[in-house]
Amino acid sequence: MRTPPPSHRIVPSLCLATIALAACASSVTNLPQATPTNRAPAATLPGPTSTSPTAAEAVPQPTPTATQAGGEKALFPLSIPGPYLVGRRSFVFEDPSRENRLVGITIWYPAQEGTGLAGSGPRVDAAADTSGAPYPLLLSSTKVARIFAPYLVSRGFTWASVDHIDSYMKMKNEMFDQPLDILFALNQAASNQLEGLGGMIDAEHAGAIGYSFDGYNTLALSGARIDPQYYRSQCPNPDPTTKPILLGLSAFNCDPASDWPDFAAQAGQAITESDDGLWQPMSDPRIRAVMPLAGEGWWLFGERGLAAVDRPVLMIVATGDLLYPENVLIFEHIGTPDKALISFVGRDHMMIYNAKMIARMAHFAAAFFGYHLQGKEDLAYHFSEEWVAQCEDLAWGVQAPD
């Protein structure tokens, strides 16, 4: 392994994230983050010697197959495996700009047959398949990558996922820590310092995808900007627009508003200072398209913050999801004209546990990112209104919530 620069020292680890999902103006990519003052201890990350999977990691994951029942295979052809095998490698880095915060990263990549450690899923430390390299890069938490990376990587993508970030019931520092972790992963993937993966990753053509808590992260990576004035105006009395959405799964609460200066100080001046009162976007121009799935964030971004979204967006959410009204608000106010919403009719937030629904979402992701990141123009039809109209339990755009 080549020795990385001291500022991004690798700490050996085989730690992986768990898989169970719960409810939940300028780029800051190269900006230094201020030192947090009240961060939770790094003990939440398993130590370098922890190699045993957790009980949650042992839960079987839906695996794409070529024998899907009925007409699903024909209707969602991108939901079956592509031509590449899938490998994964794990790394842990220290981010010196955030008090040497440990960031575990799993890289998923096209792999050579018959190499790496065999298992029930992607092969650990398999030799990279360079035949189509470099491959566009996708970004998310490892929780989400464990579900979707086997589909997408088999179709010619790489994937950098952040380990040990997870859902939260109430808003706190995760609202900026998690997007910044993902941006840090993007920079590490782009550095070509990763053992065995030289030349594999096209970080200049990156996309972000996330479900539930990671859907918020994806919105943050889309260019949306936190609006402190709007958020703080909702505490303790939310306006008629925000109040109805707080009855669902929203992690909204007023704790940060009660001590906003401290909350903002932990985020850092590079993010919080601007001329227009909005926080700077936690994004990067290399992220060219995003897919927020069943996410949230209206009360934090507000109308002004969502208007800053400036790249293609494909949103997916279930009409029976308690977050559906919030997703509608978000969709209607995101600024990019290149946006679409696909509604899964009659499903709820836990559709992420349904293998059939996962395969459908994977199809749309392969089409969306294939079009925007791989330049495959023929795939535009596979996530179009005409395509969605073929399924009676899918709908294009906003529907009446269940």
Protein backbone atom coordinates (compact mmCIF):
# COMPACT_ATOMS: atom_id res chain seq x y z
CA MET A 1 0.00 0.00 0.00
CA ARG A 2 1.27 3.43 -0.84
CA THR A 3 1.63 5.68 2.19
CA PRO A 4 -1.04 8.41 2.12
CA PRO A 5 -0.30 12.00 3.02
CA PRO A 6 -0.11 12.55 6.81
CA SER A 7 -3.28 14.66 6.72
CA HIS A 8 -5.32 11.62 5.71
CA ARG A 9 -3.67 8.83 7.69
CA ILE A 10 -5.28 5.41 7.25
CA VAL A 11 -6.10 3.47 10.42
CA PRO A 12 -6.35 -0.29 9.68
CA SER A 13 -9.82 -1.66 10.28
CA LEU A 14 -12.28 -4.18 8.94
CA CYS A 15 -15.30 -2.58 10.59
CA LEU A 16 -18.51 -2.53 8.56
CA ALA A 17 -21.76 -0.68 9.09
CA THR A 18 -24.97 -2.40 10.06
CA ILE A 19 -27.76 -2.78 7.55
CA ALA A 20 -31.07 -2.42 9.37
CA LEU A 21 -32.87 0.75 8.27
CA ALA A 22 -34.95 2.79 10.71
CA ALA A 23 -37.29 5.73 10.41
CA CYS A 24 -35.69 8.24 11.13
CA ALA A 25 -22.93 29.63 -2.23
CA SER A 26 -19.61 27.94 -2.68
CA SER A 27 -18.74 24.30 -2.29
CA VAL A 28 -17.29 23.24 1.02
CA THR A 29 -15.30 20.39 -0.51
CA ASN A 30 -11.94 22.02 -0.04
CA LEU A 31 -12.86 24.34 2.82
CA PRO A 32 -11.45 23.59 6.27
CA GLN A 33 -14.01 22.67 8.87
CA ALA A 34 -13.79 24.35 12.25
CA THR A 35 -12.95 22.19 15.24
CA PRO A 36 -16.13 20.90 16.94
CA THR A 37 -16.36 21.70 20.63
CA ASN A 38 -18.98 19.26 21.94
CA ARG A 39 -18.71 16.24 19.67
CA ALA A 40 -19.87 12.83 20.80
CA PRO A 41 -16.87 10.61 21.59
CA ALA A 42 -15.37 8.58 18.76
CA ALA A 43 -16.09 5.46 20.79
CA THR A 44 -19.27 5.11 18.75
CA LEU A 45 -16.98 3.67 16.07
CA PRO A 46 -15.73 0.14 16.70
CA GLY A 47 -11.99 0.10 17.25
CA PRO A 48 -9.36 -1.08 14.77
CA THR A 49 -9.31 -4.57 16.28
CA SER A 50 -13.04 -5.16 15.91
CA THR A 51 -13.52 -7.63 13.04
CA SER A 52 -16.65 -9.55 14.03
CA PRO A 53 -19.91 -8.63 12.26
CA THR A 54 -22.76 -7.44 14.42
CA ALA A 55 -25.99 -9.36 14.65
CA ALA A 56 -27.61 -6.86 12.29
CA GLU A 57 -24.85 -7.38 9.74
CA ALA A 58 -25.67 -11.07 9.71
CA VAL A 59 -29.23 -10.44 8.49
CA PRO A 60 -29.51 -11.66 4.88
CA GLN A 61 -29.78 -8.90 2.31
CA PRO A 62 -31.99 -8.98 -0.79
CA THR A 63 -29.87 -10.26 -3.66
CA PRO A 64 -30.69 -9.41 -7.28
CA THR A 65 -31.33 -12.50 -9.36
CA ALA A 66 -32.12 -13.27 -12.97
CA THR A 67 -35.21 -15.29 -12.04
CA GLN A 68 -37.60 -12.69 -10.78
CA ALA A 69 -41.20 -13.84 -10.91
CA GLY A 70 -43.89 -12.65 -13.28
CA GLY A 71 -43.20 -9.71 -15.55
CA GLU A 72 -40.82 -7.89 -13.21
CA LYS A 73 -37.72 -9.04 -15.06
CA ALA A 74 -39.00 -7.71 -18.37
CA LEU A 75 -40.44 -4.52 -16.94
CA PHE A 76 -37.40 -3.67 -14.79
CA PRO A 77 -34.45 -5.11 -16.73
CA LEU A 78 -31.89 -2.98 -14.89
CA SER A 79 -32.88 -4.66 -11.62
CA ILE A 80 -31.02 -7.85 -12.54
CA PRO A 81 -27.23 -8.14 -12.32
CA GLY A 82 -25.08 -6.50 -14.95
CA PRO A 83 -21.87 -7.92 -16.46
CA TYR A 84 -19.52 -7.17 -13.55
CA LEU A 85 -18.84 -9.08 -10.37
CA VAL A 86 -18.69 -6.98 -7.21
CA GLY A 87 -15.82 -6.56 -4.75
CA ARG A 88 -15.41 -4.42 -1.67
CA ARG A 89 -12.55 -3.10 0.43
CA SER A 90 -12.67 -1.30 3.77
CA PHE A 91 -10.58 1.60 5.01
CA VAL A 92 -10.57 3.99 7.94
CA PHE A 93 -9.23 7.54 7.63
CA GLU A 94 -8.70 10.40 10.03
CA ASP A 95 -10.04 13.82 9.08
CA PRO A 96 -7.67 16.36 10.65
CA SER A 97 -9.99 19.25 9.87
CA ARG A 98 -12.51 17.77 12.33
CA GLU A 99 -10.33 16.80 15.31
CA ASN A 100 -9.05 13.68 13.56
CA ARG A 101 -12.58 12.34 13.26
CA LEU A 102 -12.48 8.69 12.20
CA VAL A 103 -14.34 8.02 8.96
CA GLY A 104 -14.71 4.40 7.93
CA ILE A 105 -15.16 3.98 4.18
CA THR A 106 -16.15 0.92 2.17
CA ILE A 107 -15.32 0.94 -1.54
CA TRP A 108 -17.44 -1.25 -3.82
CA TYR A 109 -16.07 -1.90 -7.32
CA PRO A 110 -16.18 -4.21 -10.36
CA ALA A 111 -14.08 -7.27 -9.50
CA GLN A 112 -12.28 -10.10 -11.21
CA GLU A 113 -13.78 -13.57 -11.03
CA GLY A 114 -12.30 -16.04 -8.59
CA THR A 115 -10.48 -13.54 -6.39
CA GLY A 116 -11.02 -12.22 -2.89
CA LEU A 117 -12.65 -13.79 0.13
CA ALA A 118 -15.72 -15.78 -0.83
CA GLY A 119 -19.00 -15.14 0.95
CA SER A 120 -22.71 -14.67 0.42
CA GLY A 121 -22.26 -11.25 -1.15
CA PRO A 122 -19.57 -9.10 -2.75
CA ARG A 123 -16.08 -10.55 -2.43
CA VAL A 124 -13.85 -8.89 0.14
CA ASP A 125 -10.53 -7.60 -1.24
CA ALA A 126 -11.14 -9.10 -4.68
CA ALA A 127 -8.84 -8.00 -7.50
CA ALA A 128 -10.28 -5.06 -9.41
CA ASP A 129 -11.63 -5.50 -12.93
CA THR A 130 -10.01 -2.64 -14.84
CA SER A 131 -11.54 -3.53 -18.21
CA GLY A 132 -13.97 -0.61 -18.15
CA ALA A 133 -12.13 1.70 -15.77
CA PRO A 134 -12.45 4.37 -14.62
CA TYR A 135 -15.99 3.87 -13.38
CA PRO A 136 -18.31 6.69 -12.17
CA LEU A 137 -18.63 6.95 -8.40
CA LEU A 138 -21.73 6.72 -6.21
CA LEU A 139 -21.88 7.97 -2.62
CA SER A 140 -24.00 7.06 0.42
CA SER A 141 -23.90 5.52 3.86
CA THR A 142 -22.77 1.89 3.99
CA LYS A 143 -26.22 1.04 5.32
CA VAL A 144 -27.73 2.02 1.98
CA ALA A 145 -24.80 0.70 -0.08
CA ARG A 146 -25.25 -2.80 1.32
CA ILE A 147 -28.69 -2.82 -0.26
CA PHE A 148 -28.09 -1.08 -3.59
CA ALA A 149 -24.37 -1.33 -4.41
CA PRO A 150 -24.56 -4.97 -5.59
CA TYR A 151 -27.02 -3.88 -8.28
CA LEU A 152 -25.31 -0.69 -9.42
CA VAL A 153 -21.67 -1.81 -9.24
CA SER A 154 -22.51 -4.82 -11.41
CA ARG A 155 -23.47 -2.27 -14.08
CA GLY A 156 -20.18 -0.43 -14.14
CA PHE A 157 -20.07 1.92 -11.16
CA THR A 158 -17.81 2.27 -8.16
CA TRP A 159 -19.28 3.22 -4.79
CA ALA A 160 -17.79 4.90 -1.72
CA SER A 161 -19.92 4.46 1.39
CA VAL A 162 -19.41 5.81 4.89
CA ASP A 163 -19.53 3.22 7.66
CA HIS A 164 -21.27 3.66 11.01
CA ILE A 165 -23.52 6.57 10.11
CA ASP A 166 -27.10 5.82 10.90
CA SER A 167 -30.58 7.14 11.56
CA TYR A 168 -31.48 9.46 14.44
CA MET A 169 -34.75 10.21 16.13
CA LYS A 170 -34.04 13.88 16.85
CA MET A 171 -32.03 16.46 14.94
CA LYS A 172 -28.52 17.06 16.18
CA ASN A 173 -24.97 17.20 14.80
CA GLU A 174 -25.63 14.38 12.34
CA MET A 175 -27.29 17.03 10.18
CA PHE A 176 -23.86 18.34 9.21
CA ASP A 177 -21.51 15.55 10.31
CA GLN A 178 -22.97 12.95 7.98
CA PRO A 179 -22.92 15.01 4.74
CA LEU A 180 -19.37 16.13 5.59
CA ASP A 181 -18.35 12.49 6.15
CA ILE A 182 -19.65 11.64 2.68
CA LEU A 183 -17.79 14.56 1.13
CA PHE A 184 -14.66 13.38 2.92
CA ALA A 185 -15.21 9.92 1.40
CA LEU A 186 -15.48 11.51 -2.04
CA ASN A 187 -12.11 13.19 -1.56
CA GLN A 188 -10.48 9.98 -0.38
CA ALA A 189 -11.89 8.03 -3.31
CA ALA A 190 -10.59 10.72 -5.66
CA SER A 191 -7.07 10.63 -4.22
CA ASN A 192 -6.11 7.28 -5.78
CA GLN A 193 -4.43 6.35 -2.49
CA LEU A 194 -6.61 3.25 -2.05
CA GLU A 195 -4.73 -0.03 -2.20
CA GLY A 196 -5.61 -2.17 -5.20
CA LEU A 197 -7.98 0.41 -6.70
CA GLY A 198 -5.66 2.71 -8.63
CA GLY A 199 -7.31 4.06 -11.77
CA MET A 200 -10.67 2.47 -10.94
CA ILE A 201 -12.65 5.47 -9.70
CA ASP A 202 -13.95 8.35 -11.81
CA ALA A 203 -14.65 10.81 -9.02
CA GLU A 204 -15.23 13.63 -11.51
CA HIS A 205 -18.55 11.97 -12.37
CA ALA A 206 -20.15 11.23 -9.02
CA GLY A 207 -23.70 10.80 -7.80
CA ALA A 208 -25.34 10.56 -4.38
CA ILE A 209 -28.18 8.30 -3.27
CA GLY A 210 -29.75 7.66 0.11
CA TYR A 211 -32.84 6.32 1.83
CA SER A 212 -34.54 7.79 4.93
CA PHE A 213 -31.84 9.44 7.10
CA ASP A 214 -29.50 9.11 4.11
CA GLY A 215 -32.12 10.77 1.93
CA TYR A 216 -31.52 13.91 3.97
CA ASN A 217 -27.79 13.54 3.35
CA THR A 218 -28.46 13.23 -0.36
CA LEU A 219 -30.51 16.44 -0.32
CA ALA A 220 -27.67 18.20 1.48
CA LEU A 221 -25.28 16.98 -1.23
CA SER A 222 -27.62 18.28 -3.94
CA GLY A 223 -26.72 21.91 -3.23
CA ALA A 224 -29.59 22.58 -0.80
CA ARG A 225 -28.62 25.09 1.89
CA ILE A 226 -29.70 25.19 5.53
CA ASP A 227 -31.78 28.28 6.30
CA PRO A 228 -31.23 29.19 9.98
CA GLN A 229 -33.78 31.98 9.88
CA TYR A 230 -36.57 29.71 8.66
CA TYR A 231 -35.67 26.84 10.99
CA ARG A 232 -35.44 29.06 14.05
CA SER A 233 -38.71 30.78 13.18
CA GLN A 234 -40.44 27.40 13.56
CA CYS A 235 -39.43 27.07 17.21
CA PRO A 236 -41.46 26.57 19.24
CA ASN A 237 -44.45 27.40 17.00
CA PRO A 238 -44.19 25.94 13.48
CA ASP A 239 -46.05 27.72 10.70
CA PRO A 240 -49.05 26.17 8.86
CA THR A 241 -46.74 24.75 6.18
CA THR A 242 -44.33 22.98 8.51
CA LYS A 243 -46.67 21.91 11.32
CA PRO A 244 -48.54 19.15 9.43
CA ILE A 245 -45.37 17.30 8.44
CA LEU A 246 -44.16 17.06 12.04
CA LEU A 247 -46.81 14.46 12.81
CA GLY A 248 -44.95 11.81 10.82
CA LEU A 249 -41.44 10.41 11.00
CA SER A 250 -39.75 13.80 10.94
CA ALA A 251 -36.71 14.20 13.19
CA PHE A 252 -37.58 17.88 13.66
CA ASN A 253 -37.02 19.32 17.09
CA CYS A 254 -36.05 22.67 18.57
CA ASP A 255 -33.02 21.65 20.61
CA PRO A 256 -30.50 23.25 18.22
CA ALA A 257 -32.56 26.45 18.17
CA SER A 258 -32.29 26.69 21.95
CA ASP A 259 -28.52 27.11 21.64
CA TRP A 260 -28.01 27.98 18.00
CA PRO A 261 -24.62 29.72 18.38
CA ASP A 262 -23.10 26.53 19.81
CA PHE A 263 -24.75 24.35 17.16
CA ALA A 264 -23.45 26.61 14.38
CA ALA A 265 -19.98 26.79 15.93
CA GLN A 266 -19.70 23.02 15.78
CA ALA A 267 -20.60 23.06 12.10
CA GLY A 268 -17.83 25.59 11.44
CA GLN A 269 -17.51 29.01 9.84
CA ALA A 270 -16.69 27.56 6.42
CA ILE A 271 -20.28 26.32 6.27
CA THR A 272 -22.21 28.82 8.33
CA GLU A 273 -20.88 32.17 7.07
CA SER A 274 -22.40 33.75 3.97
CA ASP A 275 -23.71 37.04 2.64
CA ASP A 276 -27.33 35.93 2.32
CA GLY A 277 -27.95 34.29 5.71
CA LEU A 278 -28.06 30.73 4.35
CA TRP A 279 -25.43 28.15 5.22
CA GLN A 280 -23.05 27.22 2.44
CA PRO A 281 -24.01 24.09 0.49
CA MET A 282 -22.45 20.87 1.78
CA SER A 283 -21.84 19.68 -1.75
CA ASP A 284 -19.24 19.42 -4.48
CA PRO A 285 -19.40 20.13 -8.25
CA ARG A 286 -18.21 16.58 -8.92
CA ILE A 287 -21.59 15.36 -7.62
CA ARG A 288 -23.58 15.69 -10.83
CA ALA A 289 -26.89 13.97 -9.98
CA VAL A 290 -28.69 12.87 -6.80
CA MET A 291 -31.44 10.43 -5.77
CA PRO A 292 -33.06 11.22 -2.39
CA LEU A 293 -35.28 8.28 -1.41
CA ALA A 294 -37.91 8.82 1.31
CA GLY A 295 -35.84 11.55 2.95
CA GLU A 296 -36.62 14.72 4.85
CA GLY A 297 -35.29 18.20 5.52
CA TRP A 298 -37.99 20.73 4.65
CA TRP A 299 -37.92 22.46 8.03
CA LEU A 300 -34.13 22.79 7.90
CA PHE A 301 -33.75 23.97 4.30
CA GLY A 302 -37.04 25.79 3.78
CA GLU A 303 -38.06 27.35 0.50
CA ARG A 304 -34.93 29.48 0.09
CA GLY A 305 -32.53 26.66 0.88
CA LEU A 306 -34.18 24.19 -1.49
CA ALA A 307 -34.19 26.76 -4.28
CA ALA A 308 -30.38 26.42 -4.33
CA VAL A 309 -30.52 22.81 -5.59
CA ASP A 310 -28.74 23.01 -8.93
CA ARG A 311 -28.30 19.50 -10.37
CA PRO A 312 -30.59 16.72 -11.64
CA VAL A 313 -32.75 15.13 -8.93
CA LEU A 314 -34.83 11.95 -8.99
CA MET A 315 -36.93 11.48 -5.85
CA ILE A 316 -38.69 8.25 -4.89
CA VAL A 317 -41.11 7.93 -1.97
CA ALA A 318 -44.10 5.78 -1.03
CA THR A 319 -47.56 7.35 -0.87
CA GLY A 320 -48.22 5.57 2.44
CA ASP A 321 -45.00 6.87 3.98
CA LEU A 322 -45.55 9.34 6.82
CA LEU A 323 -42.82 11.40 5.18
CA TYR A 324 -44.74 11.66 1.89
CA PRO A 325 -46.19 15.16 2.56
CA GLU A 326 -42.72 16.44 3.46
CA ASN A 327 -41.27 14.94 0.29
CA VAL A 328 -43.96 16.67 -1.73
CA LEU A 329 -42.99 20.01 -0.18
CA ILE A 330 -39.34 19.35 -0.91
CA PHE A 331 -40.01 18.31 -4.50
CA GLU A 332 -42.15 21.33 -5.24
CA HIS A 333 -39.50 23.76 -3.98
CA ILE A 334 -36.18 22.33 -5.15
CA GLY A 335 -34.75 24.80 -7.62
CA THR A 336 -33.43 22.66 -10.42
CA PRO A 337 -35.79 22.29 -13.40
CA ASP A 338 -34.31 18.83 -14.01
CA LYS A 339 -36.31 17.01 -11.36
CA ALA A 340 -38.72 14.10 -11.18
CA LEU A 341 -40.72 12.32 -8.48
CA ILE A 342 -41.80 8.67 -8.69
CA SER A 343 -44.47 7.63 -6.19
CA PHE A 344 -44.73 4.01 -5.05
CA VAL A 345 -48.49 3.79 -4.58
CA GLY A 346 -49.77 2.07 -1.46
CA ARG A 347 -46.34 1.36 0.01
CA ASP A 348 -44.95 2.79 3.24
CA HIS A 349 -41.55 3.76 4.65
CA MET A 350 -40.61 0.12 5.27
CA MET A 351 -40.74 -0.75 1.57
CA ILE A 352 -36.95 -0.75 1.84
CA TYR A 353 -37.32 -4.25 3.34
CA ASN A 354 -39.29 -5.52 0.34
CA ALA A 355 -37.06 -7.25 -2.24
CA LYS A 356 -39.38 -6.39 -5.12
CA MET A 357 -39.44 -2.69 -4.22
CA ILE A 358 -35.66 -2.66 -3.73
CA ALA A 359 -35.19 -4.13 -7.20
CA ARG A 360 -37.46 -1.47 -8.69
CA MET A 361 -35.59 1.33 -6.98
CA ALA A 362 -32.32 -0.21 -8.17
CA HIS A 363 -33.65 -0.22 -11.74
CA PHE A 364 -34.45 3.48 -11.57
CA ALA A 365 -31.07 4.24 -9.98
CA ALA A 366 -29.18 2.31 -12.68
CA ALA A 367 -31.12 4.20 -15.35
CA PHE A 368 -30.83 7.64 -13.74
CA PHE A 369 -27.12 7.43 -12.97
CA GLY A 370 -26.41 5.54 -16.18
CA TYR A 371 -27.86 8.46 -18.09
CA HIS A 372 -26.25 11.26 -16.08
CA LEU A 373 -22.89 9.71 -15.15
CA GLN A 374 -22.18 7.10 -17.82
CA GLY A 375 -23.63 9.09 -20.71
CA LYS A 376 -26.02 6.33 -21.81
CA GLU A 377 -28.75 8.41 -23.38
CA ASP A 378 -30.98 5.42 -24.13
CA LEU A 379 -31.48 4.90 -20.39
CA ALA A 380 -33.51 8.11 -20.04
CA TYR A 381 -36.62 6.22 -21.09
CA HIS A 382 -36.15 3.75 -18.21
CA PHE A 383 -36.93 6.42 -15.60
CA SER A 384 -39.43 8.43 -17.66
CA GLU A 385 -43.12 9.14 -17.21
CA GLU A 386 -43.89 6.72 -20.05
CA TRP A 387 -41.96 3.96 -18.31
CA VAL A 388 -43.62 4.55 -14.94
CA ALA A 389 -47.07 4.51 -16.58
CA GLN A 390 -46.61 0.80 -17.34
CA CYS A 391 -47.06 -0.05 -13.64
CA GLU A 392 -50.40 0.50 -11.96
CA ASP A 393 -48.73 0.65 -8.53
CA LEU A 394 -46.34 3.43 -9.55
CA ALA A 395 -47.21 7.02 -10.35
CA TRP A 396 -45.37 9.89 -11.95
CA GLY A 397 -45.27 12.96 -9.75
CA VAL A 398 -47.26 13.88 -6.67
CA GLN A 399 -50.22 11.74 -5.66
CA ALA A 400 -52.81 12.05 -2.92
CA PRO A 401 -51.22 10.45 0.17
CA ASP A 402 -52.72 7.18 1.43
